[in-house]
Amino acid sequence: MERKERIFTMKKTIASGLVAITVLSSALAFSAAASGPTGGVPISIDGAAPTQSITSFIQNGTTWVSIRDFANAMGTCTVIWTPYTATVMAPGLTIYATAGEQYIIANGRYLFVPDGCQLVGGSMMVPIRVLAKAYDATVSWDEASKTVLVTSGSGAIAPGSVFYNDNDVYWLSRIIHAEARGESLAGKIAVANVVLNRVASPMYPSTIRDVIFDRAHGIQFTPAYTGAIIYNTPGEESVIAAKIALDGGNTAGKSLFFASTAKCWAAKARPFEITIGNHYFYA
């Protein structure tokens, strides 16, 4: 019995050590990823002289900026900082950003950040075009001066309560949950993209619900035929994915079809777009 107890204790100690190593490795990996690239980008707001006072860098062709610096440059605001989160409160606008999340929330709108908000040197970094959208501003690039040009709009994005159609969110989140509840956020958004691409196509019905239940050329979405779309309540991430897609977030390009196998009719008849998780997407 004593020998068994010693073996058990040794196993428990080793297991605890492995857990500690795993946690430490994860923390180091996060720190390495968070260190990010360096360098500043001149930014001009409403024609003012370009400034580099806004912490920024370019990564894969995208200009990232400090949410605090950008908010202060755009006008009166309050920025609240807690570990890994930043909240901006400006006239008519509230923004929430969390390190690692693939979106920011602006006035209840979910704006897509494909690479996730980044925590770099104590600053919450977000793509400038995403923040500009939150402020109802536009962004352009002046190649000659290598400067980002920001033009103000109304000062705040229209709230989600006005922008999102409840019926659209209801049906889109349900088909996402039914078809991709085990997939990543990117995979969930991709399913929503297929539905929205069909809505925009003259080959399909013009509403989300009608696209989902469309049977003009056979069953399009099996959960709509079986009733699973109605009886299963979507999870929070499915609702978020629906709102991201409705706000322009796209991970599936021009896809009109998807399947859980590469050996499907679309693989032979339609242009391949992308594989995300267990789904293959075709335009």
C-alpha atoms as a PDB file:
ATOM      1  CA  MET A   1       0.000   0.000   0.000  1.00  0.00           C
ATOM      2  CA  GLU A   2       2.842   2.454   0.847  1.00  0.00           C
ATOM      3  CA  ARG A   3       4.508   1.786  -2.522  1.00  0.00           C
ATOM      4  CA  LYS A   4       1.233   2.443  -4.362  1.00  0.00           C
ATOM      5  CA  GLU A   5       0.780   5.675  -2.421  1.00  0.00           C
ATOM      6  CA  ARG A   6       4.345   6.794  -3.315  1.00  0.00           C
ATOM      7  CA  ILE A   7       3.722   6.021  -7.004  1.00  0.00           C
ATOM      8  CA  PHE A   8       0.434   7.933  -6.914  1.00  0.00           C
ATOM      9  CA  THR A   9       2.160  10.911  -5.247  1.00  0.00           C
ATOM     10  CA  MET A  10       4.926  10.880  -7.863  1.00  0.00           C
ATOM     11  CA  LYS A  11       2.377  10.774 -10.695  1.00  0.00           C
ATOM     12  CA  LYS A  12       0.441  13.630  -9.134  1.00  0.00           C
ATOM     13  CA  THR A  13       3.632  15.702  -8.764  1.00  0.00           C
ATOM     14  CA  ILE A  14       4.635  15.057 -12.378  1.00  0.00           C
ATOM     15  CA  ALA A  15       1.129  15.922 -13.598  1.00  0.00           C
ATOM     16  CA  SER A  16       1.182  19.176 -11.622  1.00  0.00           C
ATOM     17  CA  GLY A  17       4.569  20.000 -13.131  1.00  0.00           C
ATOM     18  CA  LEU A  18       3.279  19.380 -16.646  1.00  0.00           C
ATOM     19  CA  VAL A  19       0.292  21.644 -16.005  1.00  0.00           C
ATOM     20  CA  ALA A  20       2.608  24.378 -14.729  1.00  0.00           C
ATOM     21  CA  ILE A  21       4.837  24.007 -17.796  1.00  0.00           C
ATOM     22  CA  THR A  22       1.810  24.167 -20.086  1.00  0.00           C
ATOM     23  CA  VAL A  23       0.510  27.321 -18.404  1.00  0.00           C
ATOM     24  CA  LEU A  24       3.968  28.926 -18.532  1.00  0.00           C
ATOM     25  CA  SER A  25       4.371  27.979 -22.208  1.00  0.00           C
ATOM     26  CA  SER A  26       0.982  29.470 -23.028  1.00  0.00           C
ATOM     27  CA  ALA A  27       1.871  32.686 -21.216  1.00  0.00           C
ATOM     28  CA  LEU A  28       5.208  32.924 -23.045  1.00  0.00           C
ATOM     29  CA  ALA A  29       3.521  32.243 -26.372  1.00  0.00           C
ATOM     30  CA  PHE A  30       0.964  34.987 -25.674  1.00  0.00           C
ATOM     31  CA  SER A  31       3.723  37.438 -24.722  1.00  0.00           C
ATOM     32  CA  ALA A  32       5.662  36.627 -27.881  1.00  0.00           C
ATOM     33  CA  ALA A  33       2.595  37.083 -30.047  1.00  0.00           C
ATOM     34  CA  ALA A  34       1.671  40.264 -28.206  1.00  0.00           C
ATOM     35  CA  SER A  35       5.088  41.831 -28.769  1.00  0.00           C
ATOM     36  CA  GLY A  36       4.097  42.358 -32.399  1.00  0.00           C
ATOM     37  CA  PRO A  37       5.856  44.512 -34.987  1.00  0.00           C
ATOM     38  CA  THR A  38       7.177  47.990 -34.279  1.00  0.00           C
ATOM     39  CA  GLY A  39       7.214  51.302 -36.112  1.00  0.00           C
ATOM     40  CA  GLY A  40       4.883  54.240 -36.445  1.00  0.00           C
ATOM     41  CA  VAL A  41       2.624  55.394 -39.273  1.00  0.00           C
ATOM     42  CA  PRO A  42       1.818  59.098 -39.883  1.00  0.00           C
ATOM     43  CA  ILE A  43      -1.916  59.663 -39.444  1.00  0.00           C
ATOM     44  CA  SER A  44      -3.816  62.756 -40.587  1.00  0.00           C
ATOM     45  CA  ILE A  45      -7.289  63.461 -39.206  1.00  0.00           C
ATOM     46  CA  ASP A  46      -9.572  65.770 -41.196  1.00  0.00           C
ATOM     47  CA  GLY A  47      -6.726  67.322 -43.128  1.00  0.00           C
ATOM     48  CA  ALA A  48      -4.594  68.212 -40.123  1.00  0.00           C
ATOM     49  CA  ALA A  49      -0.834  67.816 -40.293  1.00  0.00           C
ATOM     50  CA  PRO A  50       0.155  64.155 -40.039  1.00  0.00           C
ATOM     51  CA  THR A  51       1.062  63.040 -36.539  1.00  0.00           C
ATOM     52  CA  GLN A  52       2.867  60.032 -35.139  1.00  0.00           C
ATOM     53  CA  SER A  53       1.505  60.611 -31.638  1.00  0.00           C
ATOM     54  CA  ILE A  54      -0.938  57.758 -32.257  1.00  0.00           C
ATOM     55  CA  THR A  55       0.870  54.518 -31.452  1.00  0.00           C
ATOM     56  CA  SER A  56       0.693  52.437 -34.614  1.00  0.00           C
ATOM     57  CA  PHE A  57       2.278  49.804 -36.811  1.00  0.00           C
ATOM     58  CA  ILE A  58       1.635  48.066 -40.118  1.00  0.00           C
ATOM     59  CA  GLN A  59       1.110  44.316 -40.121  1.00  0.00           C
ATOM     60  CA  ASN A  60       0.349  42.389 -43.304  1.00  0.00           C
ATOM     61  CA  GLY A  61      -0.747  45.573 -45.044  1.00  0.00           C
ATOM     62  CA  THR A  62      -3.075  46.633 -42.218  1.00  0.00           C
ATOM     63  CA  THR A  63      -2.484  49.711 -40.067  1.00  0.00           C
ATOM     64  CA  TRP A  64      -3.055  49.012 -36.376  1.00  0.00           C
ATOM     65  CA  VAL A  65      -3.490  51.811 -33.835  1.00  0.00           C
ATOM     66  CA  SER A  66      -3.762  52.206 -30.087  1.00  0.00           C
ATOM     67  CA  ILE A  67      -7.444  52.458 -29.226  1.00  0.00           C
ATOM     68  CA  ARG A  68      -6.645  55.007 -26.491  1.00  0.00           C
ATOM     69  CA  ASP A  69      -4.537  57.230 -28.757  1.00  0.00           C
ATOM     70  CA  PHE A  70      -7.006  57.086 -31.626  1.00  0.00           C
ATOM     71  CA  ALA A  71      -9.973  57.857 -29.373  1.00  0.00           C
ATOM     72  CA  ASN A  72      -8.186  60.854 -27.852  1.00  0.00           C
ATOM     73  CA  ALA A  73      -7.276  62.131 -31.319  1.00  0.00           C
ATOM     74  CA  MET A  74     -10.914  61.876 -32.429  1.00  0.00           C
ATOM     75  CA  GLY A  75     -12.197  64.149 -29.653  1.00  0.00           C
ATOM     76  CA  THR A  76     -13.488  64.181 -26.097  1.00  0.00           C
ATOM     77  CA  CYS A  77     -13.606  60.721 -24.557  1.00  0.00           C
ATOM     78  CA  THR A  78     -12.978  58.609 -21.494  1.00  0.00           C
ATOM     79  CA  VAL A  79     -10.889  55.458 -21.752  1.00  0.00           C
ATOM     80  CA  ILE A  80     -11.186  52.830 -19.034  1.00  0.00           C
ATOM     81  CA  TRP A  81      -8.460  50.201 -18.890  1.00  0.00           C
ATOM     82  CA  THR A  82      -8.496  46.867 -17.102  1.00  0.00           C
ATOM     83  CA  PRO A  83      -6.193  43.908 -17.727  1.00  0.00           C
ATOM     84  CA  TYR A  84      -6.769  42.791 -21.340  1.00  0.00           C
ATOM     85  CA  THR A  85      -9.786  45.065 -21.925  1.00  0.00           C
ATOM     86  CA  ALA A  86     -10.329  48.664 -22.991  1.00  0.00           C
ATOM     87  CA  THR A  87     -13.545  50.689 -22.936  1.00  0.00           C
ATOM     88  CA  VAL A  88     -13.960  53.970 -24.802  1.00  0.00           C
ATOM     89  CA  MET A  89     -16.820  56.298 -23.961  1.00  0.00           C
ATOM     90  CA  ALA A  90     -17.298  59.259 -26.292  1.00  0.00           C
ATOM     91  CA  PRO A  91     -20.360  61.359 -27.142  1.00  0.00           C
ATOM     92  CA  GLY A  92     -22.907  58.920 -28.550  1.00  0.00           C
ATOM     93  CA  LEU A  93     -20.378  56.095 -28.711  1.00  0.00           C
ATOM     94  CA  THR A  94     -19.211  53.234 -26.488  1.00  0.00           C
ATOM     95  CA  ILE A  95     -16.529  50.790 -27.644  1.00  0.00           C
ATOM     96  CA  TYR A  96     -15.378  47.598 -25.942  1.00  0.00           C
ATOM     97  CA  ALA A  97     -12.195  45.781 -26.976  1.00  0.00           C
ATOM     98  CA  THR A  98     -10.684  42.659 -25.436  1.00  0.00           C
ATOM     99  CA  ALA A  99      -7.222  41.302 -26.214  1.00  0.00           C
ATOM    100  CA  GLY A 100      -7.493  38.206 -28.380  1.00  0.00           C
ATOM    101  CA  GLU A 101     -11.152  38.709 -29.324  1.00  0.00           C
ATOM    102  CA  GLN A 102     -11.838  38.754 -33.065  1.00  0.00           C
ATOM    103  CA  TYR A 103     -14.155  41.723 -32.832  1.00  0.00           C
ATOM    104  CA  ILE A 104     -14.799  44.975 -31.030  1.00  0.00           C
ATOM    105  CA  ILE A 105     -18.258  46.003 -29.865  1.00  0.00           C
ATOM    106  CA  ALA A 106     -19.236  49.527 -30.876  1.00  0.00           C
ATOM    107  CA  ASN A 107     -22.686  50.740 -29.810  1.00  0.00           C
ATOM    108  CA  GLY A 108     -23.817  47.120 -29.752  1.00  0.00           C
ATOM    109  CA  ARG A 109     -22.373  46.432 -33.217  1.00  0.00           C
ATOM    110  CA  TYR A 110     -19.886  43.584 -33.709  1.00  0.00           C
ATOM    111  CA  LEU A 111     -17.013  44.715 -35.949  1.00  0.00           C
ATOM    112  CA  PHE A 112     -14.692  41.983 -37.205  1.00  0.00           C
ATOM    113  CA  VAL A 113     -10.991  41.905 -36.297  1.00  0.00           C
ATOM    114  CA  PRO A 114      -9.751  38.739 -38.072  1.00  0.00           C
ATOM    115  CA  ASP A 115      -6.389  38.589 -36.260  1.00  0.00           C
ATOM    116  CA  GLY A 116      -7.872  39.516 -32.893  1.00  0.00           C
ATOM    117  CA  CYS A 117      -7.287  42.679 -30.867  1.00  0.00           C
ATOM    118  CA  GLN A 118      -3.637  42.826 -29.819  1.00  0.00           C
ATOM    119  CA  LEU A 119      -2.081  43.891 -26.554  1.00  0.00           C
ATOM    120  CA  VAL A 120       1.302  45.415 -27.446  1.00  0.00           C
ATOM    121  CA  GLY A 121       3.496  47.244 -24.961  1.00  0.00           C
ATOM    122  CA  GLY A 122       0.530  47.972 -22.717  1.00  0.00           C
ATOM    123  CA  SER A 123      -1.588  49.357 -25.584  1.00  0.00           C
ATOM    124  CA  MET A 124      -4.726  47.756 -27.001  1.00  0.00           C
ATOM    125  CA  MET A 125      -4.161  47.705 -30.752  1.00  0.00           C
ATOM    126  CA  VAL A 126      -7.005  47.498 -33.290  1.00  0.00           C
ATOM    127  CA  PRO A 127      -7.022  47.937 -37.109  1.00  0.00           C
ATOM    128  CA  ILE A 128      -7.616  51.627 -37.853  1.00  0.00           C
ATOM    129  CA  ARG A 129     -10.377  50.891 -40.384  1.00  0.00           C
ATOM    130  CA  VAL A 130     -12.338  49.024 -37.714  1.00  0.00           C
ATOM    131  CA  LEU A 131     -12.041  51.895 -35.236  1.00  0.00           C
ATOM    132  CA  ALA A 132     -12.863  54.410 -37.956  1.00  0.00           C
ATOM    133  CA  LYS A 133     -16.055  52.496 -38.720  1.00  0.00           C
ATOM    134  CA  ALA A 134     -16.988  52.705 -35.042  1.00  0.00           C
ATOM    135  CA  TYR A 135     -16.645  56.486 -35.323  1.00  0.00           C
ATOM    136  CA  ASP A 136     -18.524  56.568 -38.638  1.00  0.00           C
ATOM    137  CA  ALA A 137     -15.300  57.853 -40.201  1.00  0.00           C
ATOM    138  CA  THR A 138     -13.555  56.831 -43.433  1.00  0.00           C
ATOM    139  CA  VAL A 139      -9.920  55.870 -44.012  1.00  0.00           C
ATOM    140  CA  SER A 140      -7.727  56.190 -47.088  1.00  0.00           C
ATOM    141  CA  TRP A 141      -4.026  55.822 -47.822  1.00  0.00           C
ATOM    142  CA  ASP A 142      -1.879  58.542 -49.372  1.00  0.00           C
ATOM    143  CA  GLU A 143       0.838  56.630 -51.188  1.00  0.00           C
ATOM    144  CA  ALA A 144       2.925  59.730 -51.928  1.00  0.00           C
ATOM    145  CA  SER A 145       3.368  60.710 -48.270  1.00  0.00           C
ATOM    146  CA  LYS A 146       2.840  57.208 -46.837  1.00  0.00           C
ATOM    147  CA  THR A 147       0.162  58.683 -44.589  1.00  0.00           C
ATOM    148  CA  VAL A 148      -3.152  57.330 -43.348  1.00  0.00           C
ATOM    149  CA  LEU A 149      -5.954  59.844 -43.940  1.00  0.00           C
ATOM    150  CA  VAL A 150      -8.960  59.783 -41.618  1.00  0.00           C
ATOM    151  CA  THR A 151     -12.102  61.761 -42.470  1.00  0.00           C
ATOM    152  CA  SER A 152     -14.686  62.216 -39.718  1.00  0.00           C
ATOM    153  CA  GLY A 153     -18.340  61.364 -40.185  1.00  0.00           C
ATOM    154  CA  SER A 154     -21.169  61.680 -37.695  1.00  0.00           C
ATOM    155  CA  GLY A 155     -18.876  60.725 -34.821  1.00  0.00           C
ATOM    156  CA  ALA A 156     -20.566  57.449 -33.924  1.00  0.00           C
ATOM    157  CA  ILE A 157     -21.768  54.317 -35.651  1.00  0.00           C
ATOM    158  CA  ALA A 158     -25.520  53.681 -35.706  1.00  0.00           C
ATOM    159  CA  PRO A 159     -26.430  51.444 -32.727  1.00  0.00           C
ATOM    160  CA  GLY A 160     -27.060  47.739 -33.107  1.00  0.00           C
ATOM    161  CA  SER A 161     -30.666  48.194 -31.998  1.00  0.00           C
ATOM    162  CA  VAL A 162     -31.222  50.214 -35.166  1.00  0.00           C
ATOM    163  CA  PHE A 163     -28.810  48.500 -37.566  1.00  0.00           C
ATOM    164  CA  TYR A 164     -29.612  44.812 -36.959  1.00  0.00           C
ATOM    165  CA  ASN A 165     -32.914  43.382 -38.101  1.00  0.00           C
ATOM    166  CA  ASP A 166     -34.135  41.054 -35.335  1.00  0.00           C
ATOM    167  CA  ASN A 167     -35.651  38.620 -37.820  1.00  0.00           C
ATOM    168  CA  ASP A 168     -32.387  38.404 -39.783  1.00  0.00           C
ATOM    169  CA  VAL A 169     -30.331  37.804 -36.624  1.00  0.00           C
ATOM    170  CA  TYR A 170     -32.844  35.191 -35.484  1.00  0.00           C
ATOM    171  CA  TRP A 171     -32.668  33.053 -38.627  1.00  0.00           C
ATOM    172  CA  LEU A 172     -29.007  33.608 -39.439  1.00  0.00           C
ATOM    173  CA  SER A 173     -27.845  32.662 -35.935  1.00  0.00           C
ATOM    174  CA  ARG A 174     -30.006  29.544 -36.066  1.00  0.00           C
ATOM    175  CA  ILE A 175     -28.619  28.260 -39.356  1.00  0.00           C
ATOM    176  CA  ILE A 176     -25.098  29.005 -38.099  1.00  0.00           C
ATOM    177  CA  HIS A 177     -25.738  26.995 -34.931  1.00  0.00           C
ATOM    178  CA  ALA A 178     -27.374  24.133 -36.833  1.00  0.00           C
ATOM    179  CA  GLU A 179     -24.620  23.882 -39.447  1.00  0.00           C
ATOM    180  CA  ALA A 180     -21.493  24.963 -37.581  1.00  0.00           C
ATOM    181  CA  ARG A 181     -21.970  24.919 -33.813  1.00  0.00           C
ATOM    182  CA  GLY A 182     -18.751  22.894 -33.422  1.00  0.00           C
ATOM    183  CA  GLU A 183     -16.712  25.186 -35.653  1.00  0.00           C
ATOM    184  CA  SER A 184     -14.534  28.182 -34.788  1.00  0.00           C
ATOM    185  CA  LEU A 185     -15.857  31.727 -34.927  1.00  0.00           C
ATOM    186  CA  ALA A 186     -14.329  32.039 -38.408  1.00  0.00           C
ATOM    187  CA  GLY A 187     -16.164  28.876 -39.462  1.00  0.00           C
ATOM    188  CA  LYS A 188     -19.445  30.185 -38.108  1.00  0.00           C
ATOM    189  CA  ILE A 189     -19.004  33.504 -39.911  1.00  0.00           C
ATOM    190  CA  ALA A 190     -18.279  31.614 -43.138  1.00  0.00           C
ATOM    191  CA  VAL A 191     -21.639  29.816 -43.003  1.00  0.00           C
ATOM    192  CA  ALA A 192     -23.337  33.179 -42.511  1.00  0.00           C
ATOM    193  CA  ASN A 193     -21.390  34.522 -45.491  1.00  0.00           C
ATOM    194  CA  VAL A 194     -22.804  31.774 -47.720  1.00  0.00           C
ATOM    195  CA  VAL A 195     -26.339  32.759 -46.756  1.00  0.00           C
ATOM    196  CA  LEU A 196     -25.700  36.471 -47.249  1.00  0.00           C
ATOM    197  CA  ASN A 197     -23.908  35.880 -50.563  1.00  0.00           C
ATOM    198  CA  ARG A 198     -27.010  34.045 -51.751  1.00  0.00           C
ATOM    199  CA  VAL A 199     -29.241  36.883 -50.605  1.00  0.00           C
ATOM    200  CA  ALA A 200     -27.133  39.213 -52.758  1.00  0.00           C
ATOM    201  CA  SER A 201     -27.229  36.841 -55.750  1.00  0.00           C
ATOM    202  CA  PRO A 202     -30.034  37.051 -58.355  1.00  0.00           C
ATOM    203  CA  MET A 203     -30.074  33.234 -58.416  1.00  0.00           C
ATOM    204  CA  TYR A 204     -31.562  33.005 -54.910  1.00  0.00           C
ATOM    205  CA  PRO A 205     -34.327  34.579 -52.784  1.00  0.00           C
ATOM    206  CA  SER A 206     -33.713  38.081 -51.465  1.00  0.00           C
ATOM    207  CA  THR A 207     -34.172  37.500 -47.728  1.00  0.00           C
ATOM    208  CA  ILE A 208     -32.212  35.469 -45.199  1.00  0.00           C
ATOM    209  CA  ARG A 209     -35.175  33.375 -44.141  1.00  0.00           C
ATOM    210  CA  ASP A 210     -36.200  32.619 -47.716  1.00  0.00           C
ATOM    211  CA  VAL A 211     -32.651  31.605 -48.638  1.00  0.00           C
ATOM    212  CA  ILE A 212     -32.482  29.219 -45.685  1.00  0.00           C
ATOM    213  CA  PHE A 213     -35.783  27.552 -46.559  1.00  0.00           C
ATOM    214  CA  ASP A 214     -35.271  27.717 -50.341  1.00  0.00           C
ATOM    215  CA  ARG A 215     -36.102  24.427 -52.110  1.00  0.00           C
ATOM    216  CA  ALA A 216     -36.293  25.616 -55.709  1.00  0.00           C
ATOM    217  CA  HIS A 217     -33.381  23.344 -56.619  1.00  0.00           C
ATOM    218  CA  GLY A 218     -33.740  20.774 -53.863  1.00  0.00           C
ATOM    219  CA  ILE A 219     -32.956  21.017 -50.172  1.00  0.00           C
ATOM    220  CA  GLN A 220     -30.325  23.699 -49.620  1.00  0.00           C
ATOM    221  CA  PHE A 221     -29.851  23.518 -45.844  1.00  0.00           C
ATOM    222  CA  THR A 222     -30.715  20.181 -44.237  1.00  0.00           C
ATOM    223  CA  PRO A 223     -31.474  21.637 -40.748  1.00  0.00           C
ATOM    224  CA  ALA A 224     -34.206  23.767 -42.326  1.00  0.00           C
ATOM    225  CA  TYR A 225     -35.774  20.622 -43.787  1.00  0.00           C
ATOM    226  CA  THR A 226     -35.487  18.515 -40.610  1.00  0.00           C
ATOM    227  CA  GLY A 227     -36.661  21.280 -38.295  1.00  0.00           C
ATOM    228  CA  ALA A 228     -33.405  21.329 -36.309  1.00  0.00           C
ATOM    229  CA  ILE A 229     -33.027  25.014 -37.090  1.00  0.00           C
ATOM    230  CA  ILE A 230     -36.199  25.788 -35.142  1.00  0.00           C
ATOM    231  CA  TYR A 231     -35.824  23.513 -32.140  1.00  0.00           C
ATOM    232  CA  ASN A 232     -32.181  24.224 -31.265  1.00  0.00           C
ATOM    233  CA  THR A 233     -31.409  27.553 -29.599  1.00  0.00           C
ATOM    234  CA  PRO A 234     -28.188  29.096 -30.919  1.00  0.00           C
ATOM    235  CA  GLY A 235     -25.289  29.710 -28.589  1.00  0.00           C
ATOM    236  CA  GLU A 236     -23.826  33.162 -27.918  1.00  0.00           C
ATOM    237  CA  GLU A 237     -21.008  32.746 -30.445  1.00  0.00           C
ATOM    238  CA  SER A 238     -23.488  31.875 -33.207  1.00  0.00           C
ATOM    239  CA  VAL A 239     -25.376  35.100 -32.503  1.00  0.00           C
ATOM    240  CA  ILE A 240     -22.108  37.054 -32.505  1.00  0.00           C
ATOM    241  CA  ALA A 241     -21.067  35.422 -35.790  1.00  0.00           C
ATOM    242  CA  ALA A 242     -24.402  36.419 -37.338  1.00  0.00           C
ATOM    243  CA  LYS A 243     -23.942  40.036 -36.266  1.00  0.00           C
ATOM    244  CA  ILE A 244     -20.328  40.127 -37.463  1.00  0.00           C
ATOM    245  CA  ALA A 245     -21.406  38.854 -40.882  1.00  0.00           C
ATOM    246  CA  LEU A 246     -24.314  41.298 -41.068  1.00  0.00           C
ATOM    247  CA  ASP A 247     -21.771  44.053 -40.337  1.00  0.00           C
ATOM    248  CA  GLY A 248     -19.575  42.980 -43.252  1.00  0.00           C
ATOM    249  CA  GLY A 249     -17.241  40.463 -41.596  1.00  0.00           C
ATOM    250  CA  ASN A 250     -16.246  37.841 -44.148  1.00  0.00           C
ATOM    251  CA  THR A 251     -14.153  34.676 -43.943  1.00  0.00           C
ATOM    252  CA  ALA A 252     -15.585  32.776 -46.927  1.00  0.00           C
ATOM    253  CA  GLY A 253     -15.147  35.275 -49.746  1.00  0.00           C
ATOM    254  CA  LYS A 254     -17.742  34.866 -52.503  1.00  0.00           C
ATOM    255  CA  SER A 255     -18.793  31.365 -51.439  1.00  0.00           C
ATOM    256  CA  LEU A 256     -22.297  30.230 -52.316  1.00  0.00           C
ATOM    257  CA  PHE A 257     -21.883  26.608 -51.226  1.00  0.00           C
ATOM    258  CA  PHE A 258     -20.204  24.613 -48.472  1.00  0.00           C
ATOM    259  CA  ALA A 259     -19.935  20.946 -47.585  1.00  0.00           C
ATOM    260  CA  SER A 260     -18.399  18.771 -44.892  1.00  0.00           C
ATOM    261  CA  THR A 261     -16.523  16.721 -47.493  1.00  0.00           C
ATOM    262  CA  ALA A 262     -14.292  17.598 -50.429  1.00  0.00           C
ATOM    263  CA  LYS A 263     -15.984  14.827 -52.395  1.00  0.00           C
ATOM    264  CA  CYS A 264     -19.124  16.744 -53.223  1.00  0.00           C
ATOM    265  CA  TRP A 265     -20.701  17.966 -56.446  1.00  0.00           C
ATOM    266  CA  ALA A 266     -19.551  21.544 -55.795  1.00  0.00           C
ATOM    267  CA  ALA A 267     -15.916  20.412 -55.762  1.00  0.00           C
ATOM    268  CA  LYS A 268     -16.293  19.431 -59.415  1.00  0.00           C
ATOM    269  CA  ALA A 269     -18.611  22.208 -60.575  1.00  0.00           C
ATOM    270  CA  ARG A 270     -17.748  25.338 -58.566  1.00  0.00           C
ATOM    271  CA  PRO A 271     -14.542  27.347 -57.898  1.00  0.00           C
ATOM    272  CA  PHE A 272     -12.922  26.421 -54.603  1.00  0.00           C
ATOM    273  CA  GLU A 273     -12.663  29.285 -52.106  1.00  0.00           C
ATOM    274  CA  ILE A 274     -11.359  28.055 -48.760  1.00  0.00           C
ATOM    275  CA  THR A 275     -11.375  25.307 -46.142  1.00  0.00           C
ATOM    276  CA  ILE A 276     -12.286  26.365 -42.605  1.00  0.00           C
ATOM    277  CA  GLY A 277     -12.407  23.680 -39.955  1.00  0.00           C
ATOM    278  CA  ASN A 278     -14.517  20.782 -41.246  1.00  0.00           C
ATOM    279  CA  HIS A 279     -16.143  22.728 -44.077  1.00  0.00           C
ATOM    280  CA  TYR A 280     -15.123  23.255 -47.696  1.00  0.00           C
ATOM    281  CA  PHE A 281     -16.411  26.431 -49.366  1.00  0.00           C
ATOM    282  CA  TYR A 282     -17.078  27.034 -53.055  1.00  0.00           C
ATOM    283  CA  ALA A 283     -18.090  30.119 -55.030  1.00  0.00           C
END
